[in-house]
C-alpha atoms as a PDB file:
ATOM      1  CA  MET A   1       3.923   6.430 -15.076  1.00  0.00           C
ATOM      2  CA  THR A   2       0.344   7.243 -16.009  1.00  0.00           C
ATOM      3  CA  THR A   3      -1.237   9.803 -13.710  1.00  0.00           C
ATOM      4  CA  PRO A   4      -4.779   9.609 -12.306  1.00  0.00           C
ATOM      5  CA  THR A   5      -7.529  11.084 -14.460  1.00  0.00           C
ATOM      6  CA  PRO A   6      -7.886  14.809 -13.656  1.00  0.00           C
ATOM      7  CA  ALA A   7     -11.094  16.356 -12.409  1.00  0.00           C
ATOM      8  CA  ARG A   8     -13.500  17.854 -14.913  1.00  0.00           C
ATOM      9  CA  GLU A   9     -13.353  21.600 -15.393  1.00  0.00           C
ATOM     10  CA  VAL A  10     -16.339  23.924 -15.054  1.00  0.00           C
ATOM     11  CA  GLY A  11     -18.687  23.347 -17.973  1.00  0.00           C
ATOM     12  CA  GLN A  12     -17.120  20.000 -18.877  1.00  0.00           C
ATOM     13  CA  THR A  13     -19.549  17.066 -19.017  1.00  0.00           C
ATOM     14  CA  THR A  14     -17.057  14.195 -19.033  1.00  0.00           C
ATOM     15  CA  PRO A  15     -17.871  11.876 -16.082  1.00  0.00           C
ATOM     16  CA  ARG A  16     -15.361  11.897 -13.283  1.00  0.00           C
ATOM     17  CA  ASP A  17     -13.186   8.821 -12.986  1.00  0.00           C
ATOM     18  CA  LEU A  18     -10.175   7.547 -11.034  1.00  0.00           C
ATOM     19  CA  ALA A  19      -7.183   5.539 -12.225  1.00  0.00           C
ATOM     20  CA  VAL A  20      -6.797   2.275 -10.282  1.00  0.00           C
ATOM     21  CA  PRO A  21      -3.331   0.754  -9.704  1.00  0.00           C
ATOM     22  CA  ALA A  22      -2.503  -2.262 -11.850  1.00  0.00           C
ATOM     23  CA  THR A  23      -1.751  -4.598  -8.930  1.00  0.00           C
ATOM     24  CA  LYS A  24      -1.785  -4.715  -5.156  1.00  0.00           C
ATOM     25  CA  THR A  25       1.979  -4.153  -5.124  1.00  0.00           C
ATOM     26  CA  ALA A  26       1.528  -1.143  -7.415  1.00  0.00           C
ATOM     27  CA  ALA A  27      -1.117   0.278  -5.080  1.00  0.00           C
ATOM     28  CA  MET A  28       1.168  -0.177  -2.058  1.00  0.00           C
ATOM     29  CA  ARG A  29       4.021   1.466  -3.935  1.00  0.00           C
ATOM     30  CA  TYR A  30       1.800   4.407  -4.886  1.00  0.00           C
ATOM     31  CA  LEU A  31       0.662   4.915  -1.288  1.00  0.00           C
ATOM     32  CA  ALA A  32       4.298   4.934  -0.127  1.00  0.00           C
ATOM     33  CA  GLU A  33       5.279   7.400  -2.852  1.00  0.00           C
ATOM     34  CA  GLN A  34       2.440   9.755  -1.962  1.00  0.00           C
ATOM     35  CA  ALA A  35       3.479   9.695   1.691  1.00  0.00           C
ATOM     36  CA  GLY A  36       6.952  10.674   0.512  1.00  0.00           C
ATOM     37  CA  HIS A  37       5.399  13.615  -1.357  1.00  0.00           C
ATOM     38  CA  GLY A  38       3.800  14.914   1.823  1.00  0.00           C
ATOM     39  CA  TYR A  39       0.420  13.155   1.756  1.00  0.00           C
ATOM     40  CA  VAL A  40       0.741  12.017   5.357  1.00  0.00           C
ATOM     41  CA  LEU A  41      -2.768  12.707   6.665  1.00  0.00           C
ATOM     42  CA  PHE A  42      -5.450  10.187   5.798  1.00  0.00           C
ATOM     43  CA  GLN A  43      -8.794   8.563   6.300  1.00  0.00           C
ATOM     44  CA  HIS A  44      -9.438   5.002   5.218  1.00  0.00           C
ATOM     45  CA  GLY A  45     -12.214   2.471   5.003  1.00  0.00           C
ATOM     46  CA  GLU A  46     -14.199   0.128   2.785  1.00  0.00           C
ATOM     47  CA  VAL A  47     -17.050   0.770   0.383  1.00  0.00           C
ATOM     48  CA  PRO A  48     -19.323  -1.582  -1.615  1.00  0.00           C
ATOM     49  CA  ALA A  49     -18.420  -1.630  -5.305  1.00  0.00           C
ATOM     50  CA  ASP A  50     -21.822  -0.241  -6.270  1.00  0.00           C
ATOM     51  CA  ARG A  51     -21.200   2.819  -4.061  1.00  0.00           C
ATOM     52  CA  ALA A  52     -17.596   3.422  -5.113  1.00  0.00           C
ATOM     53  CA  MET A  53     -18.384   5.992  -7.824  1.00  0.00           C
ATOM     54  CA  ALA A  54     -20.634   7.932  -5.457  1.00  0.00           C
ATOM     55  CA  LEU A  55     -17.809   8.031  -2.911  1.00  0.00           C
ATOM     56  CA  LEU A  56     -15.382   9.310  -5.548  1.00  0.00           C
ATOM     57  CA  GLU A  57     -17.764  12.092  -6.542  1.00  0.00           C
ATOM     58  CA  LYS A  58     -18.368  13.038  -2.905  1.00  0.00           C
ATOM     59  CA  PHE A  59     -14.637  13.268  -2.173  1.00  0.00           C
ATOM     60  CA  ASP A  60     -13.959  15.168  -5.375  1.00  0.00           C
ATOM     61  CA  ASP A  61     -16.674  17.703  -4.581  1.00  0.00           C
ATOM     62  CA  ARG A  62     -15.385  18.161  -1.029  1.00  0.00           C
ATOM     63  CA  TYR A  63     -11.617  17.715  -1.359  1.00  0.00           C
ATOM     64  CA  ARG A  64     -10.888  17.956  -5.129  1.00  0.00           C
ATOM     65  CA  VAL A  65      -9.157  14.581  -5.174  1.00  0.00           C
ATOM     66  CA  LEU A  66      -9.103  14.631  -8.989  1.00  0.00           C
ATOM     67  CA  ALA A  67      -7.491  18.061  -9.296  1.00  0.00           C
ATOM     68  CA  SER A  68      -4.689  18.435 -11.833  1.00  0.00           C
ATOM     69  CA  ARG A  69      -1.061  18.483 -10.747  1.00  0.00           C
ATOM     70  CA  GLY A  70      -0.914  22.206 -11.462  1.00  0.00           C
ATOM     71  CA  ALA A  71      -3.908  22.857  -9.239  1.00  0.00           C
ATOM     72  CA  ARG A  72      -2.357  20.811  -6.430  1.00  0.00           C
ATOM     73  CA  ASP A  73       0.952  22.650  -6.684  1.00  0.00           C
ATOM     74  CA  HIS A  74      -0.866  25.995  -6.730  1.00  0.00           C
ATOM     75  CA  ALA A  75      -2.792  25.084  -3.583  1.00  0.00           C
ATOM     76  CA  ARG A  76       0.269  23.884  -1.693  1.00  0.00           C
ATOM     77  CA  LEU A  77       2.284  26.987  -2.583  1.00  0.00           C
ATOM     78  CA  ARG A  78      -0.436  28.995  -0.904  1.00  0.00           C
ATOM     79  CA  GLY A  79      -0.499  26.895   2.229  1.00  0.00           C
ATOM     80  CA  ARG A  80      -3.635  24.974   1.368  1.00  0.00           C
ATOM     81  CA  SER A  81      -4.001  21.231   1.787  1.00  0.00           C
ATOM     82  CA  SER A  82      -4.084  19.030  -1.301  1.00  0.00           C
ATOM     83  CA  ALA A  83      -5.878  15.668  -1.422  1.00  0.00           C
ATOM     84  CA  ARG A  84      -5.691  12.407  -3.335  1.00  0.00           C
ATOM     85  CA  LEU A  85      -7.812   9.267  -3.349  1.00  0.00           C
ATOM     86  CA  VAL A  86      -6.479   5.724  -3.755  1.00  0.00           C
ATOM     87  CA  MET A  87      -8.884   2.816  -4.232  1.00  0.00           C
ATOM     88  CA  PHE A  88      -8.333  -0.907  -4.758  1.00  0.00           C
ATOM     89  CA  PRO A  89     -10.488  -4.077  -4.581  1.00  0.00           C
ATOM     90  CA  LYS A  90     -10.421  -5.830  -1.236  1.00  0.00           C
ATOM     91  CA  ASP A  91      -8.444  -9.081  -1.108  1.00  0.00           C
ATOM     92  CA  HIS A  92     -10.696 -12.033  -2.033  1.00  0.00           C
ATOM     93  CA  GLU A  93     -13.782  -9.753  -1.942  1.00  0.00           C
ATOM     94  CA  PRO A  94     -14.012  -8.001  -5.327  1.00  0.00           C
ATOM     95  CA  HIS A  95     -17.414  -6.504  -4.489  1.00  0.00           C
ATOM     96  CA  THR A  96     -15.823  -4.459  -1.708  1.00  0.00           C
ATOM     97  CA  TRP A  97     -13.189  -1.775  -2.223  1.00  0.00           C
ATOM     98  CA  TYR A  98     -10.563  -0.309   0.080  1.00  0.00           C
ATOM     99  CA  PHE A  99     -10.116   3.436  -0.033  1.00  0.00           C
ATOM    100  CA  TRP A 100      -7.489   5.789   1.351  1.00  0.00           C
ATOM    101  CA  LEU A 101      -8.220   9.515   1.307  1.00  0.00           C
ATOM    102  CA  LEU A 102      -4.815  11.222   1.546  1.00  0.00           C
ATOM    103  CA  ALA A 103      -3.985  14.852   2.242  1.00  0.00           C
ATOM    104  CA  THR A 104      -1.027  17.156   2.814  1.00  0.00           C
ATOM    105  CA  GLU A 105      -0.802  19.488   5.756  1.00  0.00           C
ATOM    106  CA  GLY A 106      -2.195  22.996   5.332  1.00  0.00           C
ATOM    107  CA  ASP A 107      -5.504  24.819   5.399  1.00  0.00           C
ATOM    108  CA  GLY A 108      -8.364  22.546   4.398  1.00  0.00           C
ATOM    109  CA  HIS A 109     -11.255  20.372   5.484  1.00  0.00           C
ATOM    110  CA  LEU A 110      -9.368  17.116   5.918  1.00  0.00           C
ATOM    111  CA  PRO A 111      -6.506  18.403   8.111  1.00  0.00           C
ATOM    112  CA  ALA A 112      -9.113  20.086  10.295  1.00  0.00           C
ATOM    113  CA  ALA A 113     -11.244  16.956  10.603  1.00  0.00           C
ATOM    114  CA  GLY A 114     -11.163  15.251  13.955  1.00  0.00           C
ATOM    115  CA  ASN A 115     -10.958  11.815  12.359  1.00  0.00           C
ATOM    116  CA  ALA A 116      -7.950  12.538  10.127  1.00  0.00           C
ATOM    117  CA  LEU A 117      -5.032  10.245  11.019  1.00  0.00           C
ATOM    118  CA  ASP A 118      -1.302  10.956  10.693  1.00  0.00           C
ATOM    119  CA  SER A 119       0.720   8.164   9.076  1.00  0.00           C
ATOM    120  CA  ARG A 120       3.910   9.451  10.771  1.00  0.00           C
ATOM    121  CA  ASN A 121       2.500   8.562  14.175  1.00  0.00           C
ATOM    122  CA  PRO A 122       3.296   4.929  15.164  1.00  0.00           C
ATOM    123  CA  GLU A 123      -0.145   4.703  16.766  1.00  0.00           C
ATOM    124  CA  THR A 124      -1.983   5.682  13.573  1.00  0.00           C
ATOM    125  CA  ARG A 125       0.088   4.241  10.749  1.00  0.00           C
ATOM    126  CA  LEU A 126      -1.497   3.756   7.355  1.00  0.00           C
ATOM    127  CA  ARG A 127      -2.293   0.068   6.939  1.00  0.00           C
ATOM    128  CA  TRP A 128      -3.266  -2.424   4.298  1.00  0.00           C
ATOM    129  CA  ALA A 129      -5.843  -4.394   6.288  1.00  0.00           C
ATOM    130  CA  ASP A 130      -4.086  -6.350   9.053  1.00  0.00           C
ATOM    131  CA  GLN A 131      -1.251  -7.392   6.750  1.00  0.00           C
ATOM    132  CA  TYR A 132       1.083  -4.433   6.252  1.00  0.00           C
ATOM    133  CA  GLU A 133       1.721  -0.946   7.578  1.00  0.00           C
ATOM    134  CA  LEU A 134       3.611   2.017   6.173  1.00  0.00           C
ATOM    135  CA  VAL A 135       6.559   3.212   8.271  1.00  0.00           C
ATOM    136  CA  SER A 136       8.936   6.117   7.872  1.00  0.00           C
ATOM    137  CA  ARG A 137      12.515   6.874   8.746  1.00  0.00           C
ATOM    138  CA  PRO A 138      13.517  10.546   9.120  1.00  0.00           C
ATOM    139  CA  VAL A 139      16.518  11.520   6.996  1.00  0.00           C
ATOM    140  CA  ARG A 140      18.203  14.919   6.865  1.00  0.00           C
ATOM    141  CA  ARG A 141      19.073  16.226   3.406  1.00  0.00           C
ATOM    142  CA  ARG A 142      22.338  18.039   2.675  1.00  0.00           C
ATOM    143  CA  SER A 143      20.382  21.284   2.850  1.00  0.00           C
ATOM    144  CA  GLY A 144      19.504  20.459   6.440  1.00  0.00           C
ATOM    145  CA  GLU A 145      15.864  19.838   5.615  1.00  0.00           C
ATOM    146  CA  LEU A 146      14.287  16.812   7.284  1.00  0.00           C
ATOM    147  CA  HIS A 147      12.271  14.415   5.155  1.00  0.00           C
ATOM    148  CA  HIS A 148      10.940  10.885   5.580  1.00  0.00           C
ATOM    149  CA  VAL A 149      11.815   7.707   3.668  1.00  0.00           C
ATOM    150  CA  TRP A 150       8.852   5.339   3.538  1.00  0.00           C
ATOM    151  CA  THR A 151       8.540   1.574   3.238  1.00  0.00           C
ATOM    152  CA  TRP A 152       6.089  -1.199   4.068  1.00  0.00           C
ATOM    153  CA  VAL A 153       6.488  -3.757   6.859  1.00  0.00           C
ATOM    154  CA  PHE A 154       4.376  -6.560   8.261  1.00  0.00           C
ATOM    155  CA  THR A 155       2.021  -5.539  11.042  1.00  0.00           C
ATOM    156  CA  ARG A 156       2.832  -7.135  14.390  1.00  0.00           C
ATOM    157  CA  LYS A 157      -0.118  -9.521  14.011  1.00  0.00           C
ATOM    158  CA  SER A 158       1.009 -10.553  10.535  1.00  0.00           C
ATOM    159  CA  TYR A 159       4.655 -10.943  11.572  1.00  0.00           C
ATOM    160  CA  GLU A 160       3.746 -13.131  14.540  1.00  0.00           C
ATOM    161  CA  GLY A 161       1.577 -15.268  12.267  1.00  0.00           C
ATOM    162  CA  TRP A 162       4.537 -15.848   9.946  1.00  0.00           C
ATOM    163  CA  GLN A 163       6.764 -16.649  12.940  1.00  0.00           C
ATOM    164  CA  GLU A 164       4.369 -19.339  14.110  1.00  0.00           C
ATOM    165  CA  ARG A 165       3.957 -20.939  10.676  1.00  0.00           C
ATOM    166  CA  LEU A 166       7.665 -21.008   9.832  1.00  0.00           C
ATOM    167  CA  LYS A 167       8.747 -22.318  13.230  1.00  0.00           C
ATOM    168  CA  LYS A 168       6.101 -25.030  12.987  1.00  0.00           C
ATOM    169  CA  ALA A 169       7.275 -25.936   9.476  1.00  0.00           C
ATOM    170  CA  ALA A 170      10.943 -26.048  10.500  1.00  0.00           C
ATOM    171  CA  GLY A 171      10.036 -28.118  13.559  1.00  0.00           C
ATOM    172  CA  ARG A 172       8.285 -30.709  11.408  1.00  0.00           C
ATOM    173  CA  VAL A 173      11.430 -31.132   9.327  1.00  0.00           C
ATOM    174  CA  ARG A 174      13.653 -31.539  12.401  1.00  0.00           C
ATOM    175  CA  SER A 175      11.381 -34.031  14.164  1.00  0.00           C
ATOM    176  CA  SER A 176      10.085 -36.058  11.237  1.00  0.00           C
ATOM    177  CA  LYS A 177      11.727 -39.404  10.636  1.00  0.00           C
ATOM    178  CA  GLU A 178      11.281 -39.009   6.897  1.00  0.00           C
ATOM    179  CA  ARG A 179      12.097 -35.304   7.051  1.00  0.00           C
ATOM    180  CA  LYS A 180       9.585 -34.399   4.351  1.00  0.00           C
ATOM    181  CA  PRO A 181       9.840 -30.656   3.823  1.00  0.00           C
ATOM    182  CA  ASP A 182       6.556 -30.189   1.883  1.00  0.00           C
ATOM    183  CA  TYR A 183       4.938 -27.861   4.434  1.00  0.00           C
ATOM    184  CA  LEU A 184       8.175 -25.919   4.892  1.00  0.00           C
ATOM    185  CA  VAL A 185       8.598 -25.495   1.128  1.00  0.00           C
ATOM    186  CA  GLN A 186       5.010 -24.257   0.871  1.00  0.00           C
ATOM    187  CA  GLN A 187       5.425 -21.664   3.623  1.00  0.00           C
ATOM    188  CA  VAL A 188       8.737 -20.376   2.244  1.00  0.00           C
ATOM    189  CA  ASP A 189       7.142 -20.044  -1.213  1.00  0.00           C
ATOM    190  CA  TYR A 190       4.256 -18.080   0.301  1.00  0.00           C
ATOM    191  CA  LEU A 191       6.749 -15.813   2.066  1.00  0.00           C
ATOM    192  CA  ARG A 192       8.713 -15.334  -1.136  1.00  0.00           C
ATOM    193  CA  ALA A 193       5.526 -14.129  -2.895  1.00  0.00           C
ATOM    194  CA  VAL A 194       4.959 -11.290  -0.407  1.00  0.00           C
ATOM    195  CA  PRO A 195       5.623  -7.868  -2.035  1.00  0.00           C
ATOM    196  CA  GLY A 196       9.355  -7.130  -1.874  1.00  0.00           C
ATOM    197  CA  PHE A 197       9.487  -3.721  -0.251  1.00  0.00           C
ATOM    198  CA  GLN A 198      12.697  -2.965   1.616  1.00  0.00           C
ATOM    199  CA  GLY A 199      11.158  -3.139   5.077  1.00  0.00           C
ATOM    200  CA  ILE A 200       9.335  -6.383   4.329  1.00  0.00           C
ATOM    201  CA  ASN A 201      12.446  -7.968   2.826  1.00  0.00           C
ATOM    202  CA  ARG A 202      14.374  -7.262   6.042  1.00  0.00           C
ATOM    203  CA  GLN A 203      11.602  -8.972   7.990  1.00  0.00           C
ATOM    204  CA  LYS A 204      11.601 -11.965   5.649  1.00  0.00           C
ATOM    205  CA  ARG A 205      15.273 -12.582   6.409  1.00  0.00           C
ATOM    206  CA  ALA A 206      14.650 -12.200  10.139  1.00  0.00           C
ATOM    207  CA  LEU A 207      11.764 -14.672  10.007  1.00  0.00           C
ATOM    208  CA  VAL A 208      13.919 -17.315   8.313  1.00  0.00           C
ATOM    209  CA  LEU A 209      16.713 -16.858  10.844  1.00  0.00           C
ATOM    210  CA  GLU A 210      14.289 -17.080  13.769  1.00  0.00           C
ATOM    211  CA  ALA A 211      12.726 -20.260  12.386  1.00  0.00           C
ATOM    212  CA  ASP A 212      16.074 -22.082  12.649  1.00  0.00           C
ATOM    213  CA  ILE A 213      15.590 -24.028   9.426  1.00  0.00           C
ATOM    214  CA  PRO A 214      18.073 -26.937   9.234  1.00  0.00           C
ATOM    215  CA  ALA A 215      21.090 -26.030   7.103  1.00  0.00           C
ATOM    216  CA  ALA A 216      20.598 -29.118   4.919  1.00  0.00           C
ATOM    217  CA  PHE A 217      17.490 -27.503   3.416  1.00  0.00           C
ATOM    218  CA  HIS A 218      18.866 -24.008   2.791  1.00  0.00           C
ATOM    219  CA  ALA A 219      20.033 -24.674  -0.765  1.00  0.00           C
ATOM    220  CA  SER A 220      16.871 -26.470  -1.915  1.00  0.00           C
ATOM    221  CA  LEU A 221      14.666 -23.747  -0.439  1.00  0.00           C
ATOM    222  CA  ASN A 222      16.786 -21.039  -2.096  1.00  0.00           C
ATOM    223  CA  LEU A 223      16.750 -18.992   1.101  1.00  0.00           C
ATOM    224  CA  ARG A 224      19.131 -16.416  -0.354  1.00  0.00           C
ATOM    225  CA  ALA A 225      16.354 -15.296  -2.704  1.00  0.00           C
ATOM    226  CA  LEU A 226      13.274 -14.584  -0.622  1.00  0.00           C
ATOM    227  CA  GLY A 227      11.771 -12.220  -3.156  1.00  0.00           C
ATOM    228  CA  THR A 228      12.952  -9.490  -5.448  1.00  0.00           C
ATOM    229  CA  VAL A 229      12.920  -5.780  -4.733  1.00  0.00           C
ATOM    230  CA  VAL A 230       9.839  -3.991  -6.077  1.00  0.00           C
ATOM    231  CA  ASP A 231      10.655  -2.767  -9.580  1.00  0.00           C
ATOM    232  CA  LYS A 232       9.982   0.968  -9.651  1.00  0.00           C
ATOM    233  CA  ARG A 233      10.331   1.020 -13.428  1.00  0.00           C
ATOM    234  CA  LEU A 234       6.983  -0.715 -13.793  1.00  0.00           C
ATOM    235  CA  ALA A 235       3.949   1.462 -14.440  1.00  0.00           C
ATOM    236  CA  ILE A 236       1.630   1.925 -11.482  1.00  0.00           C
ATOM    237  CA  PHE A 237      -1.391   2.665 -13.669  1.00  0.00           C
ATOM    238  CA  LEU A 238      -2.479   1.096 -16.948  1.00  0.00           C
ATOM    239  CA  ASP A 239      -4.493   2.826 -19.653  1.00  0.00           C
ATOM    240  CA  GLY A 240      -8.180   2.051 -19.356  1.00  0.00           C
ATOM    241  CA  ARG A 241      -7.990   0.581 -15.850  1.00  0.00           C
ATOM    242  CA  THR A 242     -10.240   2.988 -13.981  1.00  0.00           C
ATOM    243  CA  LEU A 243     -12.774   2.828 -11.197  1.00  0.00           C
ATOM    244  CA  ARG A 244     -15.676   3.358 -13.577  1.00  0.00           C
ATOM    245  CA  THR A 245     -14.656   0.496 -15.882  1.00  0.00           C
ATOM    246  CA  LEU A 246     -14.048  -1.877 -12.961  1.00  0.00           C
ATOM    247  CA  VAL A 247     -17.243  -1.267 -10.970  1.00  0.00           C
ATOM    248  CA  ALA A 248     -19.690  -0.615 -13.817  1.00  0.00           C
ATOM    249  CA  PRO A 249     -22.417  -3.286 -14.008  1.00  0.00           C
ATOM    250  CA  LYS A 250     -21.670  -5.925 -16.629  1.00  0.00           C
ATOM    251  CA  GLY A 251     -24.080  -6.627 -19.446  1.00  0.00           C
END
């Protein structure tokens, strides 16, 4: 996996830059992995593409979001907070970018900020818009140490939207004289395309069961395969895909 571009050292003139995940699924996977590494405090928002580089520089100056891995480890060993920045283009609005400023617990500006949220708290979970939210399950290691396993799930609003669409689609099949399943097939295909994180996959199965789709259509809809599990062997970052290259004016 390619790591984000490190911050420039004192005296270095190379412009600061940030690696951008290859896909939306890759970005979601990276956010979950960072939560698992202790980056559980966060701020989030949106920024116009033409202000994205300025935001990166501001956060790097204040929180050292581009620090090297060694610098992060050094800070955490001494009880100081370490920060990361994740950015990705907003769905269907490429001129707007999402950002998540992540931090570990410890001494530092972000943990002390009054507007820092804790992703472990059900009331302040880290979200991807209104679509998905990151949830954790506490697990005790053999050593007795407690850690959290993270996955993505639909938000309540998103889940209820899927419930309504699938029940409507299944109802059309049951009540139609011709029993044309076009709308049902479309909705199941849309559901299948949703990123296959463990938590989401459990919800996909629950949604299909709740919709009460007639058994005669199960085979043709391939309901046993509602999406594959996210492949963690795939690279999260690709060489050359950085914030600067993606937001720089063309021409």
